[in-house]
């Protein structure tokens, strides 16, 4: 966004530039997080209570797109298969309940099976 503002300043008056940054005002309480296992592509990874799924997967060499951390949201979405069957991404992922963002999601139980979208 800094680059966009810099380019805009070259072409329009400063008072014509409006910039907004959006982020969560309140972070969820993570004190109740528990460890769980994630199965992806035939391998199982242990997710500790203090790490995200995406952190552990990337630490273990999994190719998870995280451009959402610097650009648009939801690029790290994966398909959720529960308990043991693979699924594919739906055209309406949020409504389907079958897709989750591995950067912020936790498992409700001891094991979560994922598939790449």
PDB file of N, CA and C in Angstrom:
ATOM      1  N   UNK A   1       0.823  -1.192   0.000  1.00  0.00           N
ATOM      2  CA  UNK A   1       0.000   0.000   0.000  1.00  0.00           C
ATOM      3  C   UNK A   1       0.866   1.255   0.000  1.00  0.00           C
ATOM      4  N   UNK A   2       2.046   1.171   0.604  1.00  0.00           N
ATOM      5  CA  UNK A   2       2.932   2.333   0.603  1.00  0.00           C
ATOM      6  C   UNK A   2       3.297   2.738  -0.816  1.00  0.00           C
ATOM      7  N   UNK A   3       3.529   1.752  -1.667  1.00  0.00           N
ATOM      8  CA  UNK A   3       3.873   2.043  -3.056  1.00  0.00           C
ATOM      9  C   UNK A   3       2.687   2.682  -3.777  1.00  0.00           C
ATOM     10  N   UNK A   4       1.487   2.199  -3.527  1.00  0.00           N
ATOM     11  CA  UNK A   4       0.290   2.763  -4.149  1.00  0.00           C
ATOM     12  C   UNK A   4       0.137   4.227  -3.751  1.00  0.00           C
ATOM     13  N   UNK A   5       0.316   4.508  -2.477  1.00  0.00           N
ATOM     14  CA  UNK A   5       0.208   5.888  -1.995  1.00  0.00           C
ATOM     15  C   UNK A   5       1.298   6.755  -2.627  1.00  0.00           C
ATOM     16  N   UNK A   6       2.517   6.240  -2.727  1.00  0.00           N
ATOM     17  CA  UNK A   6       3.615   6.999  -3.330  1.00  0.00           C
ATOM     18  C   UNK A   6       3.319   7.336  -4.787  1.00  0.00           C
ATOM     19  N   UNK A   7       2.794   6.376  -5.543  1.00  0.00           N
ATOM     20  CA  UNK A   7       2.442   6.634  -6.946  1.00  0.00           C
ATOM     21  C   UNK A   7       1.289   7.621  -7.019  1.00  0.00           C
ATOM     22  N   UNK A   8       0.298   7.459  -6.157  1.00  0.00           N
ATOM     23  CA  UNK A   8      -0.846   8.373  -6.149  1.00  0.00           C
ATOM     24  C   UNK A   8      -0.403   9.805  -5.878  1.00  0.00           C
ATOM     25  N   UNK A   9       0.556   9.982  -4.981  1.00  0.00           N
ATOM     26  CA  UNK A   9       1.043  11.331  -4.657  1.00  0.00           C
ATOM     27  C   UNK A   9       1.666  12.026  -5.863  1.00  0.00           C
ATOM     28  N   UNK A  10       2.150  11.246  -6.822  1.00  0.00           N
ATOM     29  CA  UNK A  10       2.733  11.817  -8.032  1.00  0.00           C
ATOM     30  C   UNK A  10       1.668  12.325  -8.994  1.00  0.00           C
ATOM     31  N   UNK A  11       0.416  11.909  -8.801  1.00  0.00           N
ATOM     32  CA  UNK A  11      -0.618  12.206  -9.790  1.00  0.00           C
ATOM     33  C   UNK A  11      -1.835  12.955  -9.261  1.00  0.00           C
ATOM     34  N   UNK A  12      -2.047  12.929  -7.955  1.00  0.00           N
ATOM     35  CA  UNK A  12      -3.229  13.605  -7.399  1.00  0.00           C
ATOM     36  C   UNK A  12      -2.844  14.408  -6.163  1.00  0.00           C
ATOM     37  N   UNK A  13      -3.720  15.304  -5.789  1.00  0.00           N
ATOM     38  CA  UNK A  13      -3.479  16.139  -4.607  1.00  0.00           C
ATOM     39  C   UNK A  13      -3.484  15.276  -3.347  1.00  0.00           C
ATOM     40  N   UNK A  14      -2.651  15.613  -2.361  1.00  0.00           N
ATOM     41  CA  UNK A  14      -2.581  14.827  -1.126  1.00  0.00           C
ATOM     42  C   UNK A  14      -3.932  14.656  -0.431  1.00  0.00           C
ATOM     43  N   UNK A  15      -4.786  15.679  -0.484  1.00  0.00           N
ATOM     44  CA  UNK A  15      -6.085  15.557   0.189  1.00  0.00           C
ATOM     45  C   UNK A  15      -7.058  14.652  -0.573  1.00  0.00           C
ATOM     46  N   UNK A  16      -6.676  14.197  -1.774  1.00  0.00           N
ATOM     47  CA  UNK A  16      -7.520  13.287  -2.551  1.00  0.00           C
ATOM     48  C   UNK A  16      -7.153  11.824  -2.298  1.00  0.00           C
ATOM     49  N   UNK A  17      -6.135  11.606  -1.494  1.00  0.00           N
ATOM     50  CA  UNK A  17      -5.700  10.239  -1.200  1.00  0.00           C
ATOM     51  C   UNK A  17      -6.276   9.813   0.136  1.00  0.00           C
ATOM     52  N   UNK A  18      -6.958   8.691   0.113  1.00  0.00           N
ATOM     53  CA  UNK A  18      -7.539   8.144   1.339  1.00  0.00           C
ATOM     54  C   UNK A  18      -7.047   6.717   1.491  1.00  0.00           C
ATOM     55  N   UNK A  19      -6.510   6.385   2.630  1.00  0.00           N
ATOM     56  CA  UNK A  19      -5.963   5.059   2.878  1.00  0.00           C
ATOM     57  C   UNK A  19      -6.576   4.493   4.146  1.00  0.00           C
ATOM     58  N   UNK A  20      -7.011   3.241   4.084  1.00  0.00           N
ATOM     59  CA  UNK A  20      -7.544   2.559   5.259  1.00  0.00           C
ATOM     60  C   UNK A  20      -6.832   1.235   5.422  1.00  0.00           C
ATOM     61  N   UNK A  21      -6.536   0.876   6.645  1.00  0.00           N
ATOM     62  CA  UNK A  21      -5.963  -0.429   6.968  1.00  0.00           C
ATOM     63  C   UNK A  21      -6.939  -1.162   7.866  1.00  0.00           C
ATOM     64  N   UNK A  22      -7.228  -2.386   7.525  1.00  0.00           N
ATOM     65  CA  UNK A  22      -8.178  -3.170   8.298  1.00  0.00           C
ATOM     66  C   UNK A  22      -7.480  -4.327   8.979  1.00  0.00           C
ATOM     67  N   UNK A  23      -7.808  -4.553  10.223  1.00  0.00           N
ATOM     68  CA  UNK A  23      -7.307  -5.693  10.976  1.00  0.00           C
ATOM     69  C   UNK A  23      -8.246  -5.936  12.145  1.00  0.00           C
ATOM     70  N   UNK A  24      -8.166  -7.108  12.693  1.00  0.00           N
ATOM     71  CA  UNK A  24      -9.052  -7.459  13.799  1.00  0.00           C
ATOM     72  C   UNK A  24      -8.796  -6.548  14.986  1.00  0.00           C
ATOM     73  N   UNK A  25      -9.853  -6.008  15.551  1.00  0.00           N
ATOM     74  CA  UNK A  25      -9.699  -5.129  16.707  1.00  0.00           C
ATOM     75  C   UNK A  25      -9.431  -5.928  17.972  1.00  0.00           C
ATOM     76  N   UNK A  26      -9.931  -7.135  18.010  1.00  0.00           N
ATOM     77  CA  UNK A  26      -9.763  -7.958  19.185  1.00  0.00           C
ATOM     78  C   UNK A  26      -9.345  -9.359  18.755  1.00  0.00           C
ATOM     79  N   UNK A  27      -8.260  -9.860  19.276  1.00  0.00           N
ATOM     80  CA  UNK A  27      -7.807 -11.200  18.943  1.00  0.00           C
ATOM     81  C   UNK A  27      -8.505 -12.212  19.846  1.00  0.00           C
ATOM     82  N   UNK A  28      -8.842 -13.372  19.295  1.00  0.00           N
ATOM     83  CA  UNK A  28      -9.491 -14.385  20.136  1.00  0.00           C
ATOM     84  C   UNK A  28      -8.554 -14.869  21.230  1.00  0.00           C
ATOM     85  N   UNK A  29      -9.138 -15.283  22.316  1.00  0.00           N
ATOM     86  CA  UNK A  29      -8.363 -15.801  23.443  1.00  0.00           C
ATOM     87  C   UNK A  29      -7.779 -17.157  23.061  1.00  0.00           C
ATOM     88  N   UNK A  30      -6.471 -17.250  23.071  1.00  0.00           N
ATOM     89  CA  UNK A  30      -5.830 -18.502  22.675  1.00  0.00           C
ATOM     90  C   UNK A  30      -5.404 -19.347  23.867  1.00  0.00           C
ATOM     91  N   UNK A  31      -5.754 -18.926  25.058  1.00  0.00           N
ATOM     92  CA  UNK A  31      -5.320 -19.655  26.255  1.00  0.00           C
ATOM     93  C   UNK A  31      -5.930 -21.053  26.354  1.00  0.00           C
ATOM     94  N   UNK A  32      -7.042 -21.283  25.665  1.00  0.00           N
ATOM     95  CA  UNK A  32      -7.675 -22.596  25.708  1.00  0.00           C
ATOM     96  C   UNK A  32      -7.284 -23.488  24.536  1.00  0.00           C
ATOM     97  N   UNK A  33      -6.349 -23.032  23.689  1.00  0.00           N
ATOM     98  CA  UNK A  33      -5.892 -23.861  22.571  1.00  0.00           C
ATOM     99  C   UNK A  33      -5.271 -25.147  23.090  1.00  0.00           C
ATOM    100  N   UNK A  34      -5.502 -26.223  22.368  1.00  0.00           N
ATOM    101  CA  UNK A  34      -4.889 -27.505  22.708  1.00  0.00           C
ATOM    102  C   UNK A  34      -4.145 -28.028  21.484  1.00  0.00           C
ATOM    103  N   UNK A  35      -3.247 -28.941  21.712  1.00  0.00           N
ATOM    104  CA  UNK A  35      -2.514 -29.570  20.622  1.00  0.00           C
ATOM    105  C   UNK A  35      -3.439 -30.537  19.890  1.00  0.00           C
ATOM    106  N   UNK A  36      -3.152 -30.774  18.606  1.00  0.00           N
ATOM    107  CA  UNK A  36      -3.910 -31.732  17.810  1.00  0.00           C
ATOM    108  C   UNK A  36      -3.042 -32.179  16.645  1.00  0.00           C
ATOM    109  N   UNK A  37      -3.503 -33.189  15.935  1.00  0.00           N
ATOM    110  CA  UNK A  37      -2.767 -33.714  14.788  1.00  0.00           C
ATOM    111  C   UNK A  37      -3.463 -33.308  13.506  1.00  0.00           C
ATOM    112  N   UNK A  38      -2.665 -32.993  12.485  1.00  0.00           N
ATOM    113  CA  UNK A  38      -3.178 -32.699  11.153  1.00  0.00           C
ATOM    114  C   UNK A  38      -2.586 -33.709  10.189  1.00  0.00           C
ATOM    115  N   UNK A  39      -3.465 -34.308   9.402  1.00  0.00           N
ATOM    116  CA  UNK A  39      -3.014 -35.204   8.349  1.00  0.00           C
ATOM    117  C   UNK A  39      -3.165 -34.481   7.021  1.00  0.00           C
ATOM    118  N   UNK A  40      -2.085 -34.454   6.249  1.00  0.00           N
ATOM    119  CA  UNK A  40      -2.094 -33.807   4.940  1.00  0.00           C
ATOM    120  C   UNK A  40      -1.215 -34.608   3.996  1.00  0.00           C
ATOM    121  N   UNK A  41      -1.795 -35.009   2.890  1.00  0.00           N
ATOM    122  CA  UNK A  41      -1.034 -35.683   1.837  1.00  0.00           C
ATOM    123  C   UNK A  41      -0.305 -36.925   2.351  1.00  0.00           C
ATOM    124  N   UNK A  42      -0.966 -37.677   3.232  1.00  0.00           N
ATOM    125  CA  UNK A  42      -0.405 -38.920   3.739  1.00  0.00           C
ATOM    126  C   UNK A  42       0.542 -38.786   4.923  1.00  0.00           C
ATOM    127  N   UNK A  43       0.832 -37.571   5.345  1.00  0.00           N
ATOM    128  CA  UNK A  43       1.718 -37.357   6.499  1.00  0.00           C
ATOM    129  C   UNK A  43       0.919 -36.739   7.636  1.00  0.00           C
ATOM    130  N   UNK A  44       1.359 -37.015   8.859  1.00  0.00           N
ATOM    131  CA  UNK A  44       0.697 -36.465  10.043  1.00  0.00           C
ATOM    132  C   UNK A  44       1.654 -35.510  10.737  1.00  0.00           C
ATOM    133  N   UNK A  45       1.130 -34.349  11.126  1.00  0.00           N
ATOM    134  CA  UNK A  45       1.915 -33.306  11.783  1.00  0.00           C
ATOM    135  C   UNK A  45       1.265 -32.961  13.112  1.00  0.00           C
ATOM    136  N   UNK A  46       2.065 -32.811  14.143  1.00  0.00           N
ATOM    137  CA  UNK A  46       1.569 -32.435  15.461  1.00  0.00           C
ATOM    138  C   UNK A  46       1.548 -30.908  15.555  1.00  0.00           C
ATOM    139  N   UNK A  47       0.388 -30.346  15.844  1.00  0.00           N
ATOM    140  CA  UNK A  47       0.222 -28.898  15.959  1.00  0.00           C
ATOM    141  C   UNK A  47       0.157 -28.558  17.442  1.00  0.00           C
ATOM    142  N   UNK A  48       1.183 -27.917  17.998  1.00  0.00           N
ATOM    143  CA  UNK A  48       1.136 -27.552  19.408  1.00  0.00           C
ATOM    144  C   UNK A  48       0.151 -26.412  19.650  1.00  0.00           C
ATOM    145  N   UNK A  49      -0.223 -26.232  20.880  1.00  0.00           N
ATOM    146  CA  UNK A  49      -1.221 -25.218  21.236  1.00  0.00           C
ATOM    147  C   UNK A  49      -0.774 -23.801  20.890  1.00  0.00           C
ATOM    148  N   UNK A  50       0.529 -23.573  20.827  1.00  0.00           N
ATOM    149  CA  UNK A  50       1.015 -22.210  20.615  1.00  0.00           C
ATOM    150  C   UNK A  50       1.455 -21.922  19.174  1.00  0.00           C
ATOM    151  N   UNK A  51       1.138 -22.816  18.231  1.00  0.00           N
ATOM    152  CA  UNK A  51       1.504 -22.600  16.830  1.00  0.00           C
ATOM    153  C   UNK A  51       0.288 -22.806  15.943  1.00  0.00           C
ATOM    154  N   UNK A  52       0.306 -22.139  14.779  1.00  0.00           N
ATOM    155  CA  UNK A  52      -0.780 -22.325  13.819  1.00  0.00           C
ATOM    156  C   UNK A  52      -0.492 -23.536  12.940  1.00  0.00           C
ATOM    157  N   UNK A  53      -1.525 -24.019  12.281  1.00  0.00           N
ATOM    158  CA  UNK A  53      -1.368 -25.136  11.358  1.00  0.00           C
ATOM    159  C   UNK A  53      -0.370 -24.758  10.266  1.00  0.00           C
ATOM    160  N   UNK A  54      -0.537 -23.570   9.703  1.00  0.00           N
ATOM    161  CA  UNK A  54       0.333 -23.164   8.596  1.00  0.00           C
ATOM    162  C   UNK A  54       1.794 -23.064   9.032  1.00  0.00           C
ATOM    163  N   UNK A  55       2.052 -22.619  10.243  1.00  0.00           N
ATOM    164  CA  UNK A  55       3.440 -22.548  10.730  1.00  0.00           C
ATOM    165  C   UNK A  55       4.076 -23.930  10.742  1.00  0.00           C
ATOM    166  N   UNK A  56       3.366 -24.903  11.281  1.00  0.00           N
ATOM    167  CA  UNK A  56       3.908 -26.253  11.381  1.00  0.00           C
ATOM    168  C   UNK A  56       4.072 -26.869   9.996  1.00  0.00           C
ATOM    169  N   UNK A  57       3.074 -26.695   9.130  1.00  0.00           N
ATOM    170  CA  UNK A  57       3.171 -27.264   7.789  1.00  0.00           C
ATOM    171  C   UNK A  57       4.341 -26.659   7.022  1.00  0.00           C
ATOM    172  N   UNK A  58       4.503 -25.338   7.090  1.00  0.00           N
ATOM    173  CA  UNK A  58       5.626 -24.711   6.394  1.00  0.00           C
ATOM    174  C   UNK A  58       6.961 -25.125   7.002  1.00  0.00           C
ATOM    175  N   UNK A  59       7.022 -25.236   8.326  1.00  0.00           N
ATOM    176  CA  UNK A  59       8.254 -25.695   8.979  1.00  0.00           C
ATOM    177  C   UNK A  59       8.661 -27.084   8.494  1.00  0.00           C
ATOM    178  N   UNK A  60       7.668 -27.850   8.027  1.00  0.00           N
ATOM    179  CA  UNK A  60       7.928 -29.211   7.566  1.00  0.00           C
ATOM    180  C   UNK A  60       7.961 -29.313   6.041  1.00  0.00           C
ATOM    181  N   UNK A  61       8.106 -28.184   5.373  1.00  0.00           N
ATOM    182  CA  UNK A  61       8.294 -28.189   3.928  1.00  0.00           C
ATOM    183  C   UNK A  61       7.052 -28.300   3.081  1.00  0.00           C
ATOM    184  N   UNK A  62       5.861 -28.185   3.670  1.00  0.00           N
ATOM    185  CA  UNK A  62       4.627 -28.240   2.886  1.00  0.00           C
ATOM    186  C   UNK A  62       4.461 -26.927   2.123  1.00  0.00           C
ATOM    187  N   UNK A  63       3.971 -27.030   0.912  1.00  0.00           N
ATOM    188  CA  UNK A  63       3.796 -25.867   0.051  1.00  0.00           C
ATOM    189  C   UNK A  63       2.409 -25.261   0.298  1.00  0.00           C
ATOM    190  N   UNK A  64       2.329 -24.369   1.278  1.00  0.00           N
ATOM    191  CA  UNK A  64       1.080 -23.696   1.619  1.00  0.00           C
ATOM    192  C   UNK A  64       1.224 -22.227   1.232  1.00  0.00           C
ATOM    193  N   UNK A  65       0.354 -21.744   0.360  1.00  0.00           N
ATOM    194  CA  UNK A  65       0.406 -20.357  -0.082  1.00  0.00           C
ATOM    195  C   UNK A  65      -0.023 -19.438   1.055  1.00  0.00           C
ATOM    196  N   UNK A  66       0.824 -18.512   1.415  1.00  0.00           N
ATOM    197  CA  UNK A  66       0.481 -17.564   2.480  1.00  0.00           C
ATOM    198  C   UNK A  66       0.601 -16.120   1.988  1.00  0.00           C
ATOM    199  N   UNK A  67       0.273 -15.901   0.733  1.00  0.00           N
ATOM    200  CA  UNK A  67       0.300 -14.526   0.245  1.00  0.00           C
ATOM    201  C   UNK A  67      -0.741 -13.678   0.968  1.00  0.00           C
ATOM    202  N   UNK A  68      -1.657 -14.332   1.688  1.00  0.00           N
ATOM    203  CA  UNK A  68      -2.656 -13.599   2.471  1.00  0.00           C
ATOM    204  C   UNK A  68      -1.993 -12.769   3.567  1.00  0.00           C
ATOM    205  N   UNK A  69      -0.783 -13.138   3.962  1.00  0.00           N
ATOM    206  CA  UNK A  69      -0.093 -12.386   5.008  1.00  0.00           C
ATOM    207  C   UNK A  69       0.413 -11.048   4.508  1.00  0.00           C
ATOM    208  N   UNK A  70       0.476 -10.882   3.181  1.00  0.00           N
ATOM    209  CA  UNK A  70       0.925  -9.605   2.634  1.00  0.00           C
ATOM    210  C   UNK A  70      -0.008  -9.071   1.564  1.00  0.00           C
ATOM    211  N   UNK A  71      -1.019  -9.831   1.191  1.00  0.00           N
ATOM    212  CA  UNK A  71      -1.931  -9.397   0.131  1.00  0.00           C
ATOM    213  C   UNK A  71      -3.357  -9.754   0.506  1.00  0.00           C
ATOM    214  N   UNK A  72      -4.022 -10.494  -0.373  1.00  0.00           N
ATOM    215  CA  UNK A  72      -5.424 -10.816  -0.153  1.00  0.00           C
ATOM    216  C   UNK A  72      -5.632 -11.941   0.827  1.00  0.00           C
ATOM    217  N   UNK A  73      -6.755 -11.943   1.534  1.00  0.00           N
ATOM    218  CA  UNK A  73      -7.033 -12.989   2.504  1.00  0.00           C
ATOM    219  C   UNK A  73      -7.385 -14.312   1.842  1.00  0.00           C
ATOM    220  N   UNK A  74      -7.260 -15.355   2.616  1.00  0.00           N
ATOM    221  CA  UNK A  74      -7.752 -16.697   2.285  1.00  0.00           C
ATOM    222  C   UNK A  74      -6.927 -17.458   1.262  1.00  0.00           C
ATOM    223  N   UNK A  75      -5.722 -17.020   0.938  1.00  0.00           N
ATOM    224  CA  UNK A  75      -4.928 -17.797  -0.011  1.00  0.00           C
ATOM    225  C   UNK A  75      -4.425 -19.099   0.603  1.00  0.00           C
ATOM    226  N   UNK A  76      -4.430 -19.198   1.924  1.00  0.00           N
ATOM    227  CA  UNK A  76      -3.923 -20.407   2.582  1.00  0.00           C
ATOM    228  C   UNK A  76      -5.022 -21.428   2.830  1.00  0.00           C
ATOM    229  N   UNK A  77      -6.207 -21.205   2.279  1.00  0.00           N
ATOM    230  CA  UNK A  77      -7.302 -22.138   2.520  1.00  0.00           C
ATOM    231  C   UNK A  77      -6.949 -23.543   2.067  1.00  0.00           C
ATOM    232  N   UNK A  78      -7.359 -24.490   2.832  1.00  0.00           N
ATOM    233  CA  UNK A  78      -7.237 -25.895   2.451  1.00  0.00           C
ATOM    234  C   UNK A  78      -8.597 -26.535   2.581  1.00  0.00           C
ATOM    235  N   UNK A  79      -8.733 -27.667   1.960  1.00  0.00           N
ATOM    236  CA  UNK A  79      -9.983 -28.401   2.014  1.00  0.00           C
ATOM    237  C   UNK A  79      -9.974 -29.271   3.256  1.00  0.00           C
ATOM    238  N   UNK A  80     -11.057 -29.233   4.001  1.00  0.00           N
ATOM    239  CA  UNK A  80     -11.166 -30.009   5.237  1.00  0.00           C
ATOM    240  C   UNK A  80     -11.884 -31.312   4.941  1.00  0.00           C
ATOM    241  N   UNK A  81     -11.265 -32.402   5.285  1.00  0.00           N
ATOM    242  CA  UNK A  81     -11.881 -33.717   5.129  1.00  0.00           C
ATOM    243  C   UNK A  81     -12.025 -34.300   6.520  1.00  0.00           C
ATOM    244  N   UNK A  82     -13.249 -34.546   6.952  1.00  0.00           N
ATOM    245  CA  UNK A  82     -13.430 -34.986   8.326  1.00  0.00           C
ATOM    246  C   UNK A  82     -14.395 -36.155   8.370  1.00  0.00           C
ATOM    247  N   UNK A  83     -14.076 -37.238   9.020  1.00  0.00           N
ATOM    248  CA  UNK A  83     -12.809 -37.469   9.696  1.00  0.00           C
ATOM    249  C   UNK A  83     -11.743 -38.056   8.790  1.00  0.00           C
ATOM    250  N   UNK A  84     -12.105 -38.890   7.799  1.00  0.00           N
ATOM    251  CA  UNK A  84     -11.058 -39.581   7.051  1.00  0.00           C
ATOM    252  C   UNK A  84     -11.244 -39.542   5.539  1.00  0.00           C
ATOM    253  N   UNK A  85     -12.068 -38.691   5.025  1.00  0.00           N
ATOM    254  CA  UNK A  85     -12.316 -38.701   3.590  1.00  0.00           C
ATOM    255  C   UNK A  85     -11.884 -37.383   2.967  1.00  0.00           C
ATOM    256  N   UNK A  86     -11.351 -37.451   1.762  1.00  0.00           N
ATOM    257  CA  UNK A  86     -10.899 -36.245   1.073  1.00  0.00           C
ATOM    258  C   UNK A  86     -12.094 -35.530   0.452  1.00  0.00           C
ATOM    259  N   UNK A  87     -12.016 -34.225   0.377  1.00  0.00           N
ATOM    260  CA  UNK A  87     -13.058 -33.433  -0.261  1.00  0.00           C
ATOM    261  C   UNK A  87     -12.385 -32.453  -1.211  1.00  0.00           C
ATOM    262  N   UNK A  88     -13.175 -31.815  -2.027  1.00  0.00           N
ATOM    263  CA  UNK A  88     -12.635 -30.782  -2.905  1.00  0.00           C
ATOM    264  C   UNK A  88     -13.242 -29.450  -2.506  1.00  0.00           C
ATOM    265  N   UNK A  89     -12.585 -28.371  -2.913  1.00  0.00           N
ATOM    266  CA  UNK A  89     -13.085 -27.043  -2.562  1.00  0.00           C
ATOM    267  C   UNK A  89     -14.379 -26.764  -3.294  1.00  0.00           C
ATOM    268  N   UNK A  90     -15.310 -26.184  -2.607  1.00  0.00           N
ATOM    269  CA  UNK A  90     -16.610 -25.861  -3.161  1.00  0.00           C
ATOM    270  C   UNK A  90     -16.584 -24.443  -3.727  1.00  0.00           C
ATOM    271  N   UNK A  91     -17.497 -24.100  -4.634  1.00  0.00           N
ATOM    272  CA  UNK A  91     -17.551 -22.728  -5.136  1.00  0.00           C
ATOM    273  C   UNK A  91     -17.867 -21.717  -4.036  1.00  0.00           C
ATOM    274  N   UNK A  92     -18.543 -22.143  -2.999  1.00  0.00           N
ATOM    275  CA  UNK A  92     -18.844 -21.279  -1.869  1.00  0.00           C
ATOM    276  C   UNK A  92     -18.199 -21.889  -0.634  1.00  0.00           C
ATOM    277  N   UNK A  93     -16.864 -21.732  -0.496  1.00  0.00           N
ATOM    278  CA  UNK A  93     -16.157 -22.456   0.557  1.00  0.00           C
ATOM    279  C   UNK A  93     -16.608 -22.149   1.966  1.00  0.00           C
ATOM    280  N   UNK A  94     -16.885 -20.909   2.281  1.00  0.00           N
ATOM    281  CA  UNK A  94     -17.258 -20.575   3.649  1.00  0.00           C
ATOM    282  C   UNK A  94     -18.574 -21.240   4.035  1.00  0.00           C
ATOM    283  N   UNK A  95     -19.543 -21.175   3.127  1.00  0.00           N
ATOM    284  CA  UNK A  95     -20.851 -21.745   3.423  1.00  0.00           C
ATOM    285  C   UNK A  95     -20.799 -23.267   3.499  1.00  0.00           C
ATOM    286  N   UNK A  96     -19.892 -23.889   2.754  1.00  0.00           N
ATOM    287  CA  UNK A  96     -19.844 -25.350   2.716  1.00  0.00           C
ATOM    288  C   UNK A  96     -19.337 -25.946   4.021  1.00  0.00           C
ATOM    289  N   UNK A  97     -18.563 -25.168   4.784  1.00  0.00           N
ATOM    290  CA  UNK A  97     -17.980 -25.691   6.007  1.00  0.00           C
ATOM    291  C   UNK A  97     -16.864 -26.685   5.742  1.00  0.00           C
ATOM    292  N   UNK A  98     -16.456 -26.824   4.492  1.00  0.00           N
ATOM    293  CA  UNK A  98     -15.439 -27.796   4.125  1.00  0.00           C
ATOM    294  C   UNK A  98     -14.074 -27.176   3.858  1.00  0.00           C
ATOM    295  N   UNK A  99     -13.949 -25.864   4.017  1.00  0.00           N
ATOM    296  CA  UNK A  99     -12.687 -25.186   3.751  1.00  0.00           C
ATOM    297  C   UNK A  99     -12.332 -24.352   4.962  1.00  0.00           C
ATOM    298  N   UNK A 100     -11.050 -24.355   5.315  1.00  0.00           N
ATOM    299  CA  UNK A 100     -10.632 -23.523   6.440  1.00  0.00           C
ATOM    300  C   UNK A 100      -9.318 -22.830   6.126  1.00  0.00           C
ATOM    301  N   UNK A 101      -9.068 -21.729   6.790  1.00  0.00           N
ATOM    302  CA  UNK A 101      -7.825 -20.980   6.652  1.00  0.00           C
ATOM    303  C   UNK A 101      -6.857 -21.519   7.697  1.00  0.00           C
ATOM    304  N   UNK A 102      -5.795 -22.169   7.243  1.00  0.00           N
ATOM    305  CA  UNK A 102      -4.884 -22.834   8.166  1.00  0.00           C
ATOM    306  C   UNK A 102      -4.010 -21.857   8.944  1.00  0.00           C
ATOM    307  N   UNK A 103      -4.088 -20.570   8.622  1.00  0.00           N
ATOM    308  CA  UNK A 103      -3.311 -19.582   9.378  1.00  0.00           C
ATOM    309  C   UNK A 103      -3.997 -19.213  10.687  1.00  0.00           C
ATOM    310  N   UNK A 104      -5.303 -19.420  10.778  1.00  0.00           N
ATOM    311  CA  UNK A 104      -6.037 -18.988  11.971  1.00  0.00           C
ATOM    312  C   UNK A 104      -6.954 -20.057  12.549  1.00  0.00           C
ATOM    313  N   UNK A 105      -7.081 -21.193  11.902  1.00  0.00           N
ATOM    314  CA  UNK A 105      -8.043 -22.211  12.340  1.00  0.00           C
ATOM    315  C   UNK A 105      -7.424 -23.195  13.326  1.00  0.00           C
ATOM    316  N   UNK A 106      -8.263 -23.743  14.178  1.00  0.00           N
ATOM    317  CA  UNK A 106      -7.872 -24.783  15.131  1.00  0.00           C
ATOM    318  C   UNK A 106      -8.833 -25.959  14.945  1.00  0.00           C
ATOM    319  N   UNK A 107      -8.435 -27.120  15.380  1.00  0.00           N
ATOM    320  CA  UNK A 107      -9.295 -28.297  15.311  1.00  0.00           C
ATOM    321  C   UNK A 107     -10.153 -28.369  16.572  1.00  0.00           C
ATOM    322  N   UNK A 108     -11.378 -28.858  16.419  1.00  0.00           N
ATOM    323  CA  UNK A 108     -12.244 -29.056  17.575  1.00  0.00           C
ATOM    324  C   UNK A 108     -11.925 -30.362  18.278  1.00  0.00           C
ATOM    325  N   UNK A 109     -11.322 -31.278  17.569  1.00  0.00           N
ATOM    326  CA  UNK A 109     -10.994 -32.585  18.132  1.00  0.00           C
ATOM    327  C   UNK A 109      -9.500 -32.851  18.067  1.00  0.00           C
ATOM    328  N   UNK A 110      -9.102 -34.103  18.303  1.00  0.00           N
ATOM    329  CA  UNK A 110      -7.673 -34.438  18.353  1.00  0.00           C
ATOM    330  C   UNK A 110      -7.017 -34.599  16.989  1.00  0.00           C
ATOM    331  N   UNK A 111      -7.825 -34.682  15.904  1.00  0.00           N
ATOM    332  CA  UNK A 111      -7.258 -34.949  14.580  1.00  0.00           C
ATOM    333  C   UNK A 111      -8.046 -34.231  13.512  1.00  0.00           C
ATOM    334  N   UNK A 112      -7.336 -33.698  12.531  1.00  0.00           N
ATOM    335  CA  UNK A 112      -7.956 -32.993  11.415  1.00  0.00           C
ATOM    336  C   UNK A 112      -7.283 -33.472  10.136  1.00  0.00           C
ATOM    337  N   UNK A 113      -8.091 -33.853   9.131  1.00  0.00           N
ATOM    338  CA  UNK A 113      -7.547 -34.316   7.853  1.00  0.00           C
ATOM    339  C   UNK A 113      -7.779 -33.209   6.838  1.00  0.00           C
ATOM    340  N   UNK A 114      -6.690 -32.814   6.158  1.00  0.00           N
ATOM    341  CA  UNK A 114      -6.761 -31.742   5.165  1.00  0.00           C
ATOM    342  C   UNK A 114      -6.341 -32.229   3.792  1.00  0.00           C
ATOM    343  N   UNK A 115      -6.741 -31.496   2.776  1.00  0.00           N
ATOM    344  CA  UNK A 115      -6.315 -31.762   1.411  1.00  0.00           C
ATOM    345  C   UNK A 115      -6.028 -30.408   0.776  1.00  0.00           C
ATOM    346  N   UNK A 116      -5.097 -30.364  -0.179  1.00  0.00           N
ATOM    347  CA  UNK A 116      -4.842 -29.114  -0.890  1.00  0.00           C
ATOM    348  C   UNK A 116      -6.034 -28.770  -1.764  1.00  0.00           C
ATOM    349  N   UNK A 117      -6.385 -27.494  -1.837  1.00  0.00           N
ATOM    350  CA  UNK A 117      -7.457 -27.057  -2.750  1.00  0.00           C
ATOM    351  C   UNK A 117      -6.926 -27.009  -4.153  1.00  0.00           C
TER     352      UNK A 117
END
